[in-house]
C-alpha cells in the first residue's frame, strides 16, 4: 500500500502537523498561516 501524495487528506495531515509544531513552539505567524498554508483550508 503506497502513500497517495496528492490526496487532500495527506496534504491536510502535513499541514496539521506543521501548524501543531508552530503552536508547540509558541509562535504562530498568522500571515504565513493564511497565505502559505492555504492548502490546509478547504
Protein backbone atom coordinates (compact mmCIF):
# COMPACT_ATOMS: atom_id res chain seq x y z
CA UNK A 1 0.00 0.00 0.00
CA UNK A 2 1.68 3.19 -1.19
CA UNK A 3 1.15 6.73 0.04
CA UNK A 4 -1.05 8.89 -2.15
CA UNK A 5 0.85 12.17 -2.01
CA UNK A 6 -1.83 14.01 -3.99
CA UNK A 7 -4.56 13.03 -1.56
CA UNK A 8 -6.18 16.04 0.17
CA UNK A 9 -6.11 14.04 3.40
CA UNK A 10 -2.35 13.57 3.10
CA UNK A 11 -1.83 17.28 2.46
CA UNK A 12 -4.14 18.19 5.33
CA UNK A 13 -2.20 15.84 7.59
CA UNK A 14 1.11 17.53 6.74
CA UNK A 15 -0.38 20.99 7.29
CA UNK A 16 -1.90 19.96 10.60
CA UNK A 17 1.47 18.69 11.81
CA UNK A 18 3.20 21.90 10.75
CA UNK A 19 0.59 24.05 12.47
CA UNK A 20 0.80 21.93 15.63
CA UNK A 21 4.58 22.30 15.64
CA UNK A 22 4.25 26.07 15.40
CA UNK A 23 1.80 26.11 18.31
CA UNK A 24 4.17 23.97 20.37
CA UNK A 25 7.00 26.42 19.72
CA UNK A 26 4.64 29.15 20.90
CA UNK A 27 4.92 31.27 17.79
CA UNK A 28 2.25 31.35 15.11
CA UNK A 29 2.83 33.59 12.12
CA UNK A 30 -0.76 34.31 11.18
CA UNK A 31 0.15 35.81 7.83
CA UNK A 32 2.13 32.74 6.87
CA UNK A 33 -0.65 30.54 8.19
CA UNK A 34 -3.21 32.22 5.94
CA UNK A 35 -1.01 32.88 2.93
CA UNK A 36 1.38 29.97 2.95
CA UNK A 37 -0.76 27.17 4.31
CA UNK A 38 -3.86 27.68 2.17
CA UNK A 39 -3.67 24.03 1.11
CA UNK A 40 -4.96 23.23 4.60
CA UNK A 41 -8.09 25.33 4.26
CA UNK A 42 -10.95 23.70 2.41
